[in-house]
Amino acid sequence: MFSVTILLLGMLLTVRGTGAQSVTQPNDHISVSEETSLELKCNYSSGNLYFFWYVQYPSQGLQLLLRYSSGPTLVNGIKGFEAELKKNETSFHLRKSSAHLGDSAVYFCAASDTVTE
């Protein structure tokens, strides 16, 4: 059985408006066994923001996994990933029910007060 290594890079974000907001990822890396579930934590300070999860696979550019802008708080992304916005916990954690070796990558959580289509 292989181990899937997930690297996390927290991003500090300053958004326009009256005060600075921050997005943090409490773990800098996690390891999980293949075919087990994983959860990547992302917390934010406060506010009504747009949320994003990005991934960077080895030797590749940044890719958008999923984003939340409004509506239902459970968001389905690509490759079996999902995230749920929990405003009462100020969190937007990324989850996958079954990790695979190909999921080994660097993951980024980000937020913004505006989105350009």
C-alpha atoms as a PDB file:
ATOM      1  CA  MET A   1       0.000   0.000   0.000  1.00  0.00           C
ATOM      2  CA  PHE A   2       1.317   3.425  -0.974  1.00  0.00           C
ATOM      3  CA  SER A   3       1.217   6.592   1.067  1.00  0.00           C
ATOM      4  CA  VAL A   4      -0.155   9.789  -0.458  1.00  0.00           C
ATOM      5  CA  THR A   5       1.722  12.902   0.625  1.00  0.00           C
ATOM      6  CA  ILE A   6      -0.158  16.162   0.509  1.00  0.00           C
ATOM      7  CA  LEU A   7       1.713  19.436   0.893  1.00  0.00           C
ATOM      8  CA  LEU A   8      -0.240  22.470   1.988  1.00  0.00           C
ATOM      9  CA  LEU A   9       0.747  26.069   1.537  1.00  0.00           C
ATOM     10  CA  GLY A  10      -1.225  28.601   3.521  1.00  0.00           C
ATOM     11  CA  MET A  11      -1.813  31.891   1.838  1.00  0.00           C
ATOM     12  CA  LEU A  12      -2.153  35.189   3.644  1.00  0.00           C
ATOM     13  CA  LEU A  13      -4.620  37.382   1.844  1.00  0.00           C
ATOM     14  CA  THR A  14      -5.444  41.034   2.157  1.00  0.00           C
ATOM     15  CA  VAL A  15      -8.728  41.979   0.553  1.00  0.00           C
ATOM     16  CA  ARG A  16     -10.134  45.358  -0.313  1.00  0.00           C
ATOM     17  CA  GLY A  17     -12.462  46.947   2.176  1.00  0.00           C
ATOM     18  CA  THR A  18     -12.288  48.143   5.740  1.00  0.00           C
ATOM     19  CA  GLY A  19      -9.892  45.563   7.146  1.00  0.00           C
ATOM     20  CA  ALA A  20      -7.468  42.823   6.309  1.00  0.00           C
ATOM     21  CA  GLN A  21      -8.660  39.220   6.161  1.00  0.00           C
ATOM     22  CA  SER A  22      -6.503  36.146   6.464  1.00  0.00           C
ATOM     23  CA  VAL A  23      -6.753  32.589   5.198  1.00  0.00           C
ATOM     24  CA  THR A  24      -4.743  29.928   7.003  1.00  0.00           C
ATOM     25  CA  GLN A  25      -4.037  26.252   6.488  1.00  0.00           C
ATOM     26  CA  PRO A  26      -3.039  24.860   9.899  1.00  0.00           C
ATOM     27  CA  ASN A  27      -1.069  21.869   8.547  1.00  0.00           C
ATOM     28  CA  ASP A  28       1.933  22.230   6.253  1.00  0.00           C
ATOM     29  CA  HIS A  29       1.663  18.612   5.091  1.00  0.00           C
ATOM     30  CA  ILE A  30      -0.313  15.450   5.669  1.00  0.00           C
ATOM     31  CA  SER A  31       0.227  11.818   4.683  1.00  0.00           C
ATOM     32  CA  VAL A  32      -2.623   9.391   4.185  1.00  0.00           C
ATOM     33  CA  SER A  33      -2.802   5.818   2.964  1.00  0.00           C
ATOM     34  CA  GLU A  34      -4.133   5.195  -0.495  1.00  0.00           C
ATOM     35  CA  GLU A  35      -7.917   4.689  -0.695  1.00  0.00           C
ATOM     36  CA  THR A  36      -8.520   6.413   2.660  1.00  0.00           C
ATOM     37  CA  SER A  37     -10.301   9.728   3.108  1.00  0.00           C
ATOM     38  CA  LEU A  38      -8.465  13.006   3.446  1.00  0.00           C
ATOM     39  CA  GLU A  39      -9.330  16.463   4.728  1.00  0.00           C
ATOM     40  CA  LEU A  40      -7.289  19.603   4.110  1.00  0.00           C
ATOM     41  CA  LYS A  41      -8.183  22.376   6.510  1.00  0.00           C
ATOM     42  CA  CYS A  42      -8.673  26.008   5.545  1.00  0.00           C
ATOM     43  CA  ASN A  43      -9.790  28.674   8.009  1.00  0.00           C
ATOM     44  CA  TYR A  44     -10.495  32.342   7.418  1.00  0.00           C
ATOM     45  CA  SER A  45     -10.773  35.293   9.756  1.00  0.00           C
ATOM     46  CA  SER A  46     -14.234  36.629   8.853  1.00  0.00           C
ATOM     47  CA  GLY A  47     -16.331  38.251   6.178  1.00  0.00           C
ATOM     48  CA  ASN A  48     -18.372  37.404   3.114  1.00  0.00           C
ATOM     49  CA  LEU A  49     -15.758  36.171   0.685  1.00  0.00           C
ATOM     50  CA  TYR A  50     -15.350  33.995  -2.396  1.00  0.00           C
ATOM     51  CA  PHE A  51     -13.322  30.849  -1.665  1.00  0.00           C
ATOM     52  CA  PHE A  52     -11.020  28.750  -3.852  1.00  0.00           C
ATOM     53  CA  TRP A  53      -8.949  25.573  -3.673  1.00  0.00           C
ATOM     54  CA  TYR A  54      -6.050  25.226  -6.106  1.00  0.00           C
ATOM     55  CA  VAL A  55      -3.698  22.300  -6.715  1.00  0.00           C
ATOM     56  CA  GLN A  56      -0.211  22.128  -8.185  1.00  0.00           C
ATOM     57  CA  TYR A  57       0.886  18.664  -9.278  1.00  0.00           C
ATOM     58  CA  PRO A  58       4.627  17.968  -9.694  1.00  0.00           C
ATOM     59  CA  SER A  59       6.099  19.763 -12.738  1.00  0.00           C
ATOM     60  CA  GLN A  60       2.739  21.361 -13.586  1.00  0.00           C
ATOM     61  CA  GLY A  61       1.121  24.742 -13.229  1.00  0.00           C
ATOM     62  CA  LEU A  62      -1.564  25.779 -10.773  1.00  0.00           C
ATOM     63  CA  GLN A  63      -5.061  24.370 -11.421  1.00  0.00           C
ATOM     64  CA  LEU A  64      -8.394  25.396  -9.933  1.00  0.00           C
ATOM     65  CA  LEU A  65      -9.989  22.482  -8.045  1.00  0.00           C
ATOM     66  CA  LEU A  66     -13.157  24.267  -6.988  1.00  0.00           C
ATOM     67  CA  ARG A  67     -14.630  27.585  -5.909  1.00  0.00           C
ATOM     68  CA  TYR A  68     -17.490  28.896  -3.807  1.00  0.00           C
ATOM     69  CA  SER A  69     -19.235  32.117  -4.743  1.00  0.00           C
ATOM     70  CA  SER A  70     -22.806  31.738  -3.444  1.00  0.00           C
ATOM     71  CA  GLY A  71     -25.660  29.284  -3.074  1.00  0.00           C
ATOM     72  CA  PRO A  72     -25.326  25.780  -1.602  1.00  0.00           C
ATOM     73  CA  THR A  73     -22.364  25.600   0.754  1.00  0.00           C
ATOM     74  CA  LEU A  74     -21.236  22.127  -0.412  1.00  0.00           C
ATOM     75  CA  VAL A  75     -19.162  22.485  -3.588  1.00  0.00           C
ATOM     76  CA  ASN A  76     -18.116  19.570  -5.816  1.00  0.00           C
ATOM     77  CA  GLY A  77     -14.824  19.962  -7.634  1.00  0.00           C
ATOM     78  CA  ILE A  78     -12.759  17.953 -10.071  1.00  0.00           C
ATOM     79  CA  LYS A  79     -11.189  14.540  -9.382  1.00  0.00           C
ATOM     80  CA  GLY A  80     -13.613  13.687  -6.558  1.00  0.00           C
ATOM     81  CA  PHE A  81     -12.765  16.652  -4.321  1.00  0.00           C
ATOM     82  CA  GLU A  82     -15.401  18.636  -2.450  1.00  0.00           C
ATOM     83  CA  ALA A  83     -15.399  21.486   0.039  1.00  0.00           C
ATOM     84  CA  GLU A  84     -18.023  22.854   2.378  1.00  0.00           C
ATOM     85  CA  LEU A  85     -18.249  26.442   3.556  1.00  0.00           C
ATOM     86  CA  LYS A  86     -19.116  26.544   7.258  1.00  0.00           C
ATOM     87  CA  LYS A  87     -19.585  30.195   8.167  1.00  0.00           C
ATOM     88  CA  ASN A  88     -20.205  29.427  11.849  1.00  0.00           C
ATOM     89  CA  GLU A  89     -16.760  27.737  11.992  1.00  0.00           C
ATOM     90  CA  THR A  90     -15.117  30.163   9.504  1.00  0.00           C
ATOM     91  CA  SER A  91     -13.842  27.174   7.516  1.00  0.00           C
ATOM     92  CA  PHE A  92     -13.712  25.892   3.940  1.00  0.00           C
ATOM     93  CA  HIS A  93     -12.112  22.447   4.299  1.00  0.00           C
ATOM     94  CA  LEU A  94     -11.299  20.341   1.233  1.00  0.00           C
ATOM     95  CA  ARG A  95     -12.206  16.635   1.348  1.00  0.00           C
ATOM     96  CA  LYS A  96     -11.892  13.520  -0.770  1.00  0.00           C
ATOM     97  CA  SER A  97     -13.390  10.167   0.178  1.00  0.00           C
ATOM     98  CA  SER A  98     -10.643   8.038  -1.389  1.00  0.00           C
ATOM     99  CA  ALA A  99      -7.104   9.365  -1.879  1.00  0.00           C
ATOM    100  CA  HIS A 100      -4.900   8.079  -4.684  1.00  0.00           C
ATOM    101  CA  LEU A 101      -1.178   8.289  -5.337  1.00  0.00           C
ATOM    102  CA  GLY A 102      -1.930  10.781  -8.118  1.00  0.00           C
ATOM    103  CA  ASP A 103      -3.322  13.197  -5.502  1.00  0.00           C
ATOM    104  CA  SER A 104       0.198  13.872  -4.177  1.00  0.00           C
ATOM    105  CA  ALA A 105       0.588  17.606  -4.785  1.00  0.00           C
ATOM    106  CA  VAL A 106       0.663  21.062  -3.232  1.00  0.00           C
ATOM    107  CA  TYR A 107      -2.770  22.466  -2.344  1.00  0.00           C
ATOM    108  CA  PHE A 108      -3.650  26.139  -1.845  1.00  0.00           C
ATOM    109  CA  CYS A 109      -6.683  27.679  -0.190  1.00  0.00           C
ATOM    110  CA  ALA A 110      -7.491  31.274  -1.142  1.00  0.00           C
ATOM    111  CA  ALA A 111     -10.233  33.855  -0.716  1.00  0.00           C
ATOM    112  CA  SER A 112     -11.200  37.155  -2.264  1.00  0.00           C
ATOM    113  CA  ASP A 113     -13.876  39.776  -1.779  1.00  0.00           C
ATOM    114  CA  THR A 114     -14.361  40.042  -5.567  1.00  0.00           C
ATOM    115  CA  VAL A 115     -14.317  37.615  -8.496  1.00  0.00           C
ATOM    116  CA  THR A 116     -13.686  38.405 -12.148  1.00  0.00           C
ATOM    117  CA  GLU A 117     -15.530  36.107 -14.546  1.00  0.00           C
END
